[in-house]
């Protein structure tokens, strides 16, 4: 309770942040157990961009862009650094709002309050450096699935001592990433947005991640420069010139 109250108070102090309420609700979406929003999604549904435009100052990320992405498929999103790949995820989740157009996720408009399906799991590039252990995180986020999350963490190579006794902030960058990837898979979402999930992983852990993705537990869009994950993809897509193109 104190944790969420602190988050709420931080966002309440940011003036002029039009999406503060949305961000407050979704920034720690990974700490919510899945299931309550699963009725919003069904197999074969899509993420739909309808005439979407978004720009940062001089950088045009999308310009009057329309497309649909199958939520049962796995896509790898490529493009130069700084082109706005992470921005695409923030637009999909509603953390950013389109300048024009609409994005629908499983039939829901991503920026509309209380409409975003909770069966979508968003893992940002930067991991939260919580002061509690992975075991406590798993018990908070997945009360009925904490053991499964710990099992996935072990598959990624974390030791029992790290899971049970080491604060997340004291783990290395690679081990911290394993903590949250384990949570992502244990949550069993219908779709994942993974932003550079393999960047800080060792070679063995990258192969574990690729194998878990190949098992096709769910669809995903993955931002990565790591070739080991290519084998899990159905399609490769590239962001540039104001649109996303298929390779």
Foldseek 3Di string as FASTA:
>chain_A
DVVLVVLLVVLVPDPPQVLSVLCSVCVVLLLAFADPQPVLADAFAWWWWALFWDADVPQTQAGGETDIDGFLFAEEEDEDPPNQPVVVVCCQQQVDDTPDTFIADSNFTNNDPPGDGSLEAEDAPDFDQAQAALLVSLCRRPVPQSVQLVVQLVLLPDDPCRRHPNRLNPDDPQSNLSSSVSSVVSSLGQEYEEEASCVPHDPSSLLSVLVVLLVSSHYYYYHHPDPSNVVSGPWYWYTDPNYIHTD
